[in-house]
Protein backbone atom coordinates (compact mmCIF):
# COMPACT_ATOMS: atom_id res chain seq x y z
CA MET A 1 12.75 20.97 19.56
CA ALA A 2 16.21 21.21 19.60
CA LYS A 3 18.03 20.04 22.62
CA GLN A 4 19.28 21.77 25.39
CA ASP A 5 22.95 22.23 25.58
CA TYR A 6 24.57 19.52 28.26
CA TYR A 7 26.72 21.80 29.91
CA GLU A 8 23.72 24.79 30.48
CA LEU A 9 21.47 21.80 31.47
CA LEU A 10 23.72 21.17 34.88
CA GLY A 11 24.81 24.54 34.83
CA VAL A 12 28.17 24.22 34.52
CA ALA A 13 31.60 26.36 32.45
CA ARG A 14 32.80 23.58 29.72
CA THR A 15 36.17 23.30 31.52
CA ALA A 16 34.30 21.59 34.47
CA SER A 17 35.91 19.37 36.50
CA ALA A 18 34.64 15.97 37.58
CA ASP A 19 33.99 17.01 40.93
CA GLU A 20 32.04 20.49 39.73
CA LEU A 21 29.66 18.13 37.31
CA LYS A 22 28.92 15.58 40.15
CA LYS A 23 28.31 18.47 42.41
CA ALA A 24 26.01 20.41 39.83
CA TYR A 25 24.55 16.75 39.21
CA ARG A 26 23.71 15.91 42.56
CA LYS A 27 22.10 19.56 43.19
CA LEU A 28 19.45 19.30 40.46
CA ALA A 29 18.92 15.87 40.86
CA MET A 30 17.68 16.00 44.45
CA GLN A 31 15.81 19.14 43.42
CA TYR A 32 13.73 17.49 40.43
CA HIS A 33 13.72 13.70 41.79
CA PRO A 34 10.33 12.43 41.09
CA ASP A 35 9.66 11.01 44.68
CA ARG A 36 10.06 15.22 45.69
CA ASN A 37 7.68 16.45 42.61
CA PRO A 38 5.11 13.03 42.53
CA GLY A 39 3.22 13.43 39.63
CA ASP A 40 4.86 16.59 37.98
CA ALA A 41 5.85 15.51 34.06
CA ALA A 42 7.92 18.60 33.56
CA ALA A 43 10.31 17.50 36.98
CA GLU A 44 10.13 14.21 35.82
CA LEU A 45 11.43 15.22 31.99
CA LYS A 46 14.21 17.70 33.70
CA PHE A 47 15.12 14.84 35.89
CA LYS A 48 15.92 12.67 32.59
CA GLU A 49 17.28 15.27 30.72
CA ILE A 50 20.12 16.08 33.85
CA SER A 51 20.40 12.38 34.07
CA GLU A 52 21.76 11.91 30.50
CA ALA A 53 23.66 15.10 30.26
CA TYR A 54 25.76 13.83 33.35
CA ASP A 55 25.72 10.58 31.80
CA VAL A 56 27.82 12.04 28.94
CA LEU A 57 29.59 14.72 29.84
CA ARG A 58 30.72 12.21 33.43
CA ASP A 59 32.35 10.06 30.55
CA ASP A 60 35.75 11.07 28.93
CA ASP A 61 35.17 9.62 25.75
CA LYS A 62 31.56 10.30 25.44
CA ARG A 63 32.58 13.84 26.90
CA ALA A 64 34.66 14.28 23.94
CA ALA A 65 32.69 13.43 21.11
CA TYR A 66 29.78 15.41 22.47
CA ASP A 67 32.20 18.38 22.77
CA ARG A 68 33.36 17.90 18.98
CA PHE A 69 30.35 16.94 17.66
CA GLY A 70 27.38 18.25 19.42
CA HIS A 71 24.06 15.94 20.14
CA ALA A 72 24.81 14.36 16.58
CA ALA A 73 27.56 12.30 18.23
CA PHE A 74 24.99 10.45 19.57
CA GLU A 75 22.18 10.60 16.83
CA GLY A 76 21.76 8.70 13.87
CA PRO A 77 22.53 5.38 12.78
CA GLY A 78 24.16 3.26 14.70
CA ALA A 79 24.22 6.37 17.38
CA GLY A 80 22.25 3.70 19.64
CA ARG A 81 18.43 4.66 19.31
CA GLY A 82 16.46 2.47 21.51
CA ALA A 83 13.14 2.44 23.83
CA GLY A 84 14.27 4.67 26.44
CA ALA A 85 15.76 7.18 24.18
CA GLY A 86 15.77 10.69 25.44
CA ALA A 87 13.03 13.03 23.90
CA GLY A 88 13.57 13.87 20.81
CA GLY A 89 17.42 12.36 20.77
CA GLY A 90 18.50 9.45 19.77
CA PHE A 91 20.26 8.74 22.74
CA ASP A 92 20.27 5.08 24.13
CA PHE A 93 19.17 5.33 28.12
CA ASN A 94 18.60 2.11 29.96
CA PHE A 95 16.54 3.60 32.88
CA ALA A 96 16.98 0.01 34.96
CA SER A 97 20.70 0.18 34.73
CA GLY A 98 21.65 3.51 33.36
CA PHE A 99 19.88 5.71 36.11
CA ALA A 100 20.58 3.35 38.66
CA ASP A 101 24.45 3.16 38.06
CA ILE A 102 24.44 7.55 38.18
CA PHE A 103 22.49 7.68 40.90
CA ASP A 104 24.53 5.23 42.98
CA GLU A 105 27.66 6.74 42.25
CA VAL A 106 26.49 10.35 43.29
CA PHE A 107 24.31 9.58 46.18
CA GLY A 108 25.45 6.19 47.10
CA GLU A 109 27.27 7.23 50.37
CA PHE A 110 23.92 8.91 51.60
CA MET A 111 21.81 5.57 50.71
CA GLY A 112 24.09 2.78 52.47
CA GLY A 113 25.60 1.70 49.12
CA GLY A 114 29.13 3.06 49.64
CA GLY A 115 30.28 1.79 46.07
CA GLN A 116 28.93 -1.86 46.94
CA ARG A 117 27.00 -2.15 43.88
CA GLY A 118 28.05 -5.20 41.81
CA ARG A 119 29.23 -7.02 44.33
CA GLY A 120 26.55 -9.41 45.17
CA GLY A 121 25.41 -7.86 48.20
CA ALA A 122 27.43 -8.36 52.08
CA SER A 123 30.23 -10.25 51.25
CA GLY A 124 30.68 -11.92 54.88
CA ARG A 125 34.15 -11.26 55.27
CA GLY A 126 34.99 -11.86 59.18
CA ALA A 127 35.61 -8.11 61.25
CA ASP A 128 38.94 -7.40 62.17
CA LEU A 129 40.05 -7.54 65.63
CA ARG A 130 42.61 -4.98 68.12
CA TYR A 131 44.53 -6.50 70.78
CA ASN A 132 46.33 -4.19 73.29
CA LEU A 133 49.84 -5.54 74.24
CA GLU A 134 52.11 -4.15 76.89
CA ILE A 135 55.91 -5.23 76.91
CA SER A 136 58.51 -4.16 78.65
CA LEU A 137 61.27 -1.81 77.60
CA GLU A 138 63.76 -5.02 77.55
CA ASP A 139 61.59 -6.91 75.50
CA ALA A 140 61.14 -4.08 73.09
CA PHE A 141 64.83 -4.15 72.96
CA ALA A 142 65.70 -7.63 72.31
CA GLY A 143 62.47 -8.90 70.98
CA THR A 144 60.43 -11.74 72.41
CA THR A 145 57.51 -13.71 71.68
CA ALA A 146 54.37 -13.16 73.58
CA LYS A 147 51.15 -15.48 73.91
CA VAL A 148 48.03 -13.78 73.62
CA GLN A 149 44.33 -15.29 74.39
CA VAL A 150 41.68 -13.56 71.89
CA ALA A 151 37.88 -14.39 72.35
CA SER A 152 36.68 -14.22 68.45
CA SER A 153 34.24 -16.17 66.27
CA ILE A 154 35.90 -19.11 64.64
CA VAL A 155 34.53 -21.52 61.77
CA CYS A 156 31.77 -24.29 63.43
CA GLU A 157 33.51 -27.58 63.57
CA VAL A 158 30.26 -29.28 63.48
CA CYS A 159 29.07 -27.83 59.91
CA ASP A 160 32.72 -26.66 58.95
CA GLY A 161 31.29 -23.19 58.49
CA SER A 162 28.49 -24.08 55.84
CA GLY A 163 25.93 -22.96 58.54
CA ALA A 164 23.78 -26.20 57.76
CA GLU A 165 22.97 -29.54 59.45
CA GLN A 166 24.86 -32.25 58.81
CA GLY A 167 23.77 -34.58 56.01
CA SER A 168 22.09 -31.42 54.47
CA LYS A 169 23.39 -28.23 52.52
CA PRO A 170 22.33 -24.85 51.90
CA ILE A 171 19.98 -24.32 48.85
CA THR A 172 19.61 -21.87 46.05
CA CYS A 173 17.51 -18.52 47.35
CA PRO A 174 14.39 -18.85 46.05
CA THR A 175 13.98 -15.01 46.40
CA CYS A 176 16.67 -13.74 44.52
CA SER A 177 17.28 -17.44 42.73
CA GLY A 178 20.86 -17.21 43.79
CA ALA A 179 21.67 -13.45 42.43
CA GLY A 180 22.71 -12.69 45.83
CA LYS A 181 20.13 -9.13 45.37
CA VAL A 182 16.47 -8.07 44.19
CA ARG A 183 15.48 -4.91 42.18
CA ALA A 184 13.14 -2.46 43.81
CA GLN A 185 11.11 0.12 41.29
CA GLN A 186 11.14 3.14 43.52
CA GLY A 187 9.26 6.34 41.26
CA PHE A 188 10.88 6.62 37.98
CA PHE A 189 14.23 4.24 38.13
CA THR A 190 14.93 0.74 39.85
CA ILE A 191 17.49 0.28 42.70
CA GLU A 192 19.35 -3.30 43.85
CA ARG A 193 19.70 -4.37 46.94
CA PRO A 194 21.11 -6.87 49.16
CA CYS A 195 18.11 -9.75 48.87
CA PRO A 196 16.29 -9.67 52.47
CA SER A 197 15.55 -13.24 52.75
CA CYS A 198 19.40 -14.56 52.05
CA GLY A 199 21.64 -11.16 52.93
CA GLY A 200 23.03 -11.08 49.81
CA ALA A 201 24.60 -14.62 49.87
CA GLY A 202 22.59 -16.33 47.23
CA ARG A 203 22.09 -19.31 49.35
CA VAL A 204 19.44 -20.03 52.36
CA ILE A 205 19.83 -22.89 54.79
CA GLU A 206 16.86 -25.12 55.76
CA LYS A 207 18.33 -27.48 58.11
CA PRO A 208 20.78 -24.72 60.23
CA CYS A 209 22.95 -26.10 62.37
CA LYS A 210 22.16 -27.01 65.72
CA ALA A 211 25.97 -26.23 67.47
CA CYS A 212 26.30 -22.55 65.36
CA GLY A 213 22.74 -22.25 64.51
CA GLY A 214 23.62 -21.84 61.09
CA ALA A 215 25.92 -18.83 61.23
CA GLY A 216 28.68 -21.11 60.37
CA ARG A 217 31.16 -19.60 63.40
CA THR A 218 31.00 -20.04 67.25
CA ARG A 219 32.94 -17.73 69.71
CA LYS A 220 35.76 -19.38 71.52
CA GLU A 221 38.96 -18.45 73.01
CA LYS A 222 42.13 -18.93 71.50
CA THR A 223 45.57 -18.30 72.40
CA LEU A 224 48.00 -17.40 69.67
CA SER A 225 51.95 -16.72 69.03
CA VAL A 226 53.03 -13.17 68.75
CA THR A 227 56.68 -12.57 67.23
CA ILE A 228 57.78 -8.98 68.36
CA PRO A 229 60.89 -8.16 66.63
CA ALA A 230 63.57 -6.22 67.94
CA GLY A 231 63.59 -2.12 68.00
CA VAL A 232 59.48 -1.81 67.73
CA GLU A 233 58.17 1.26 69.60
CA GLU A 234 55.18 2.44 71.26
CA GLY A 235 52.04 2.37 69.07
CA THR A 236 53.64 -0.32 66.50
CA ARG A 237 50.78 -2.64 65.31
CA ILE A 238 51.55 -5.83 64.37
CA ARG A 239 49.09 -7.45 61.91
CA LEU A 240 48.01 -11.41 62.07
CA THR A 241 46.05 -12.55 59.06
CA GLY A 242 43.13 -14.40 59.63
CA GLU A 243 43.22 -14.20 62.89
CA GLY A 244 40.34 -12.23 63.28
CA GLU A 245 36.33 -12.70 63.45
CA ALA A 246 35.63 -16.10 61.36
CA GLY A 247 33.50 -14.79 58.00
CA VAL A 248 30.03 -15.81 57.21
CA ARG A 249 29.54 -19.49 56.16
CA GLY A 250 32.80 -19.94 54.79
CA ALA A 251 33.59 -16.64 53.76
CA PRO A 252 37.10 -14.97 54.33
CA ALA A 253 38.34 -14.38 57.99
CA GLY A 254 39.12 -11.22 59.41
CA ASP A 255 42.70 -9.79 60.65
CA LEU A 256 44.08 -9.39 64.11
CA TYR A 257 46.10 -6.24 64.80
CA ILE A 258 48.26 -6.58 68.24
CA PHE A 259 49.15 -3.34 69.14
CA LEU A 260 52.33 -2.63 71.23
CA ALA A 261 52.18 -0.22 74.55
CA ILE A 262 55.71 -0.45 76.15
CA ALA A 263 55.66 -0.19 80.08
CA ALA A 264 57.38 2.44 81.94
CA HIS A 265 61.21 1.79 83.01
CA ARG A 266 62.30 2.10 86.94
CA ILE A 267 65.81 3.25 84.86
CA PHE A 268 65.83 3.98 81.50
CA GLN A 269 63.77 6.48 79.38
CA ARG A 270 63.68 5.96 76.00
CA ASP A 271 63.81 8.51 72.55
CA GLY A 272 63.67 6.64 69.82
CA ALA A 273 66.67 4.18 69.25
CA ASN A 274 68.76 6.07 72.52
CA THR A 275 68.48 5.70 76.05
CA PHE A 276 68.83 8.02 79.15
CA TYR A 277 68.79 8.14 82.76
CA ARG A 278 70.47 10.28 85.50
CA VAL A 279 73.54 8.77 88.22
CA PRO A 280 74.35 10.39 91.27
CA ILE A 281 77.71 11.35 91.75
CA PRO A 282 79.29 11.80 95.20
CA MET A 283 80.80 15.18 95.52
CA THR A 284 84.27 13.88 96.34
CA THR A 285 84.25 11.88 92.86
CA ALA A 286 82.79 14.98 90.74
CA ALA A 287 85.76 17.21 92.54
CA LEU A 288 88.53 14.85 92.23
CA GLY A 289 87.15 12.73 88.92
CA GLY A 290 87.34 8.90 89.38
CA GLN A 291 85.28 5.87 87.63
CA ILE A 292 81.60 4.37 88.16
CA GLU A 293 79.82 1.50 86.56
CA VAL A 294 76.17 1.76 85.03
CA PRO A 295 73.96 -0.60 83.62
CA SER A 296 73.22 -0.71 79.78
CA ILE A 297 69.74 -2.04 78.78
CA ASP A 298 71.25 -5.19 77.36
CA GLY A 299 71.86 -6.31 80.87
CA SER A 300 75.71 -5.60 80.43
CA ARG A 301 78.00 -3.06 82.62
CA VAL A 302 79.83 0.11 81.61
CA LYS A 303 82.45 1.93 82.94
CA ILE A 304 82.39 5.73 82.71
CA THR A 305 85.55 7.61 83.79
CA ILE A 306 84.58 11.11 85.66
CA PRO A 307 86.88 13.82 85.07
CA PRO A 308 88.23 15.57 88.38
CA GLY A 309 85.56 18.82 88.09
CA THR A 310 82.82 17.40 86.67
CA GLN A 311 79.66 19.74 86.99
CA ALA A 312 76.17 18.45 87.43
CA GLY A 313 73.69 17.86 84.47
CA HIS A 314 77.30 16.99 82.26
CA GLN A 315 75.93 13.84 80.01
CA PHE A 316 77.97 11.31 78.86
CA ARG A 317 77.52 10.00 75.19
CA LEU A 318 78.00 5.45 75.35
CA ARG A 319 77.66 4.99 71.48
CA GLY A 320 76.03 1.88 70.45
CA LYS A 321 74.38 0.96 74.07
CA GLY A 322 71.27 2.22 73.28
CA MET A 323 68.07 0.51 72.07
CA SER A 324 68.24 -1.66 69.35
CA VAL A 325 66.98 -0.31 65.37
CA LEU A 326 64.07 -2.24 63.90
CA ARG A 327 64.73 -3.94 60.84
CA SER A 328 68.67 -3.23 61.86
CA THR A 329 71.45 -4.62 63.33
CA GLN A 330 72.57 -1.02 64.55
CA ARG A 331 71.93 0.10 68.25
CA GLY A 332 71.38 3.91 68.94
CA ASP A 333 73.36 5.56 71.90
CA MET A 334 72.94 5.81 75.46
CA TYR A 335 73.46 8.98 77.50
CA VAL A 336 74.32 9.15 81.08
CA GLU A 337 73.41 12.43 82.76
CA ALA A 338 75.57 12.96 86.11
CA THR A 339 73.74 14.93 88.93
CA VAL A 340 76.13 15.79 91.68
CA GLU A 341 75.30 14.60 95.07
CA THR A 342 75.62 17.02 98.05
CA PRO A 343 77.01 15.18 101.44
CA VAL A 344 74.53 14.64 104.07
CA ASN A 345 74.09 13.62 107.90
CA LEU A 346 78.40 15.02 108.21
CA THR A 347 80.31 14.32 111.33
CA PRO A 348 81.72 17.73 112.89
CA ARG A 349 85.37 16.78 112.20
CA GLN A 350 83.97 16.47 108.08
CA GLN A 351 82.27 19.97 108.53
CA GLU A 352 85.41 21.44 109.87
CA LEU A 353 87.31 20.21 106.86
CA LEU A 354 84.49 21.48 104.31
CA ARG A 355 84.83 25.40 106.41
CA GLU A 356 88.60 24.99 105.68
CA PHE A 357 88.39 23.85 102.38
CA ASP A 358 85.50 26.83 101.90
CA THR A 359 88.49 29.32 103.54
CA ALA A 360 91.40 28.15 101.69
CA GLY A 361 91.01 28.19 98.31
CA GLU A 362 90.13 31.25 96.19
CA ALA A 363 86.46 30.73 95.03
CA ASP A 364 87.12 32.00 91.54
CA GLN A 365 89.41 28.92 91.37
CA THR A 366 87.54 26.32 92.88
CA HIS A 367 84.25 27.24 92.08
CA PRO A 368 84.57 29.65 88.88
CA GLN A 369 80.82 29.17 87.66
CA SER A 370 79.03 30.67 91.15
CA SER A 371 81.98 33.04 91.71
CA GLY A 372 80.95 34.53 87.68
CA PHE A 373 77.52 34.38 89.08
CA PHE A 374 77.78 36.39 91.57
CA GLN A 375 80.26 38.99 89.93
CA ARG A 376 77.50 39.40 87.33
CA VAL A 377 75.08 40.07 90.14
CA LYS A 378 77.46 42.25 92.01
CA GLU A 379 77.80 44.51 88.73
CA PHE A 380 74.20 44.51 88.44
CA PHE A 381 73.24 45.72 91.15
CA ALA A 382 76.32 48.55 91.13
CA GLY A 383 75.29 49.84 87.85
CA SER A 384 70.49 49.88 89.14
CA ALA A 385 72.18 52.07 91.86
CA SER A 386 74.66 55.00 90.24
CA GLU A 387 71.30 55.15 87.53
């Protein structure tokens, strides 16, 4: 009986992509899986055929050969005949490896495999840790060195991380013979899993260390020094390699990630490399002009010349007086916004002088913005009345 075309078996076009092939195989494998069809020889044969088809088409070289020569590419002398060959053909298909590899590739994410086959079980690497650190804006500008205290697992000092009592050492796991994994027969195929006795380590401890209980690590609070470079921003992440949780029985330690938060400043606001703040200016200074002295984030004082007639909201830009730029010698700019302060608690004499000023000058010359605005308002009402 002639073998069915592989593309027809999977129900895909000959131009199907790798993702389309995987999707088609997944759907059919779930339908014809022997565990879902116990005692159904036809379903078992179908499962074998679609798995054989997918194994060929997922491999670029095999697929190219099949597209050119068809089933003949895998038949005849030297084409891979052997026990486990497909029905009616000479395809070499080892169920203990071939089916398991395909099934793990396609369904690994559903069975917790996640592509972990062939690693000899759990690696035992220590977990990564996170530490939230708040610094001041001044420290973000200049850079600093901070001390942090982190509670984590460290290598046991008594057994030096082996987990075994002094004078003894781990032995080869009798369950898996040191392989770290065992094979289990499930229906039609064989699947490898981490050894339940040793957890994939390949070794077991007969005499556990009393200090760590055989884990090879203990809990302890440690103090670390963190170098914070100048110019860091909110959310910057600093990685300290190997400062996370200690690995299991000598496995590599995880990493520690420092996440920076910058505290709100009582004067400055920050936007990237620039700083902003508002400064109140007396009405007389804004009207007549003068000089004011303002602070910079670096701690210095800067003089700003206020031109006569300065209006509220006017911004003064001071180049190179802002924040440091990370990994650079440059600095951003500082923007100072003027807010004109109206005087309060005036004496009778001061009130009299202001009234004289208000009636003496021409409004359109001393207050051009308000005069222009109210002129437009007057024209608006006049136009509305004539309609």
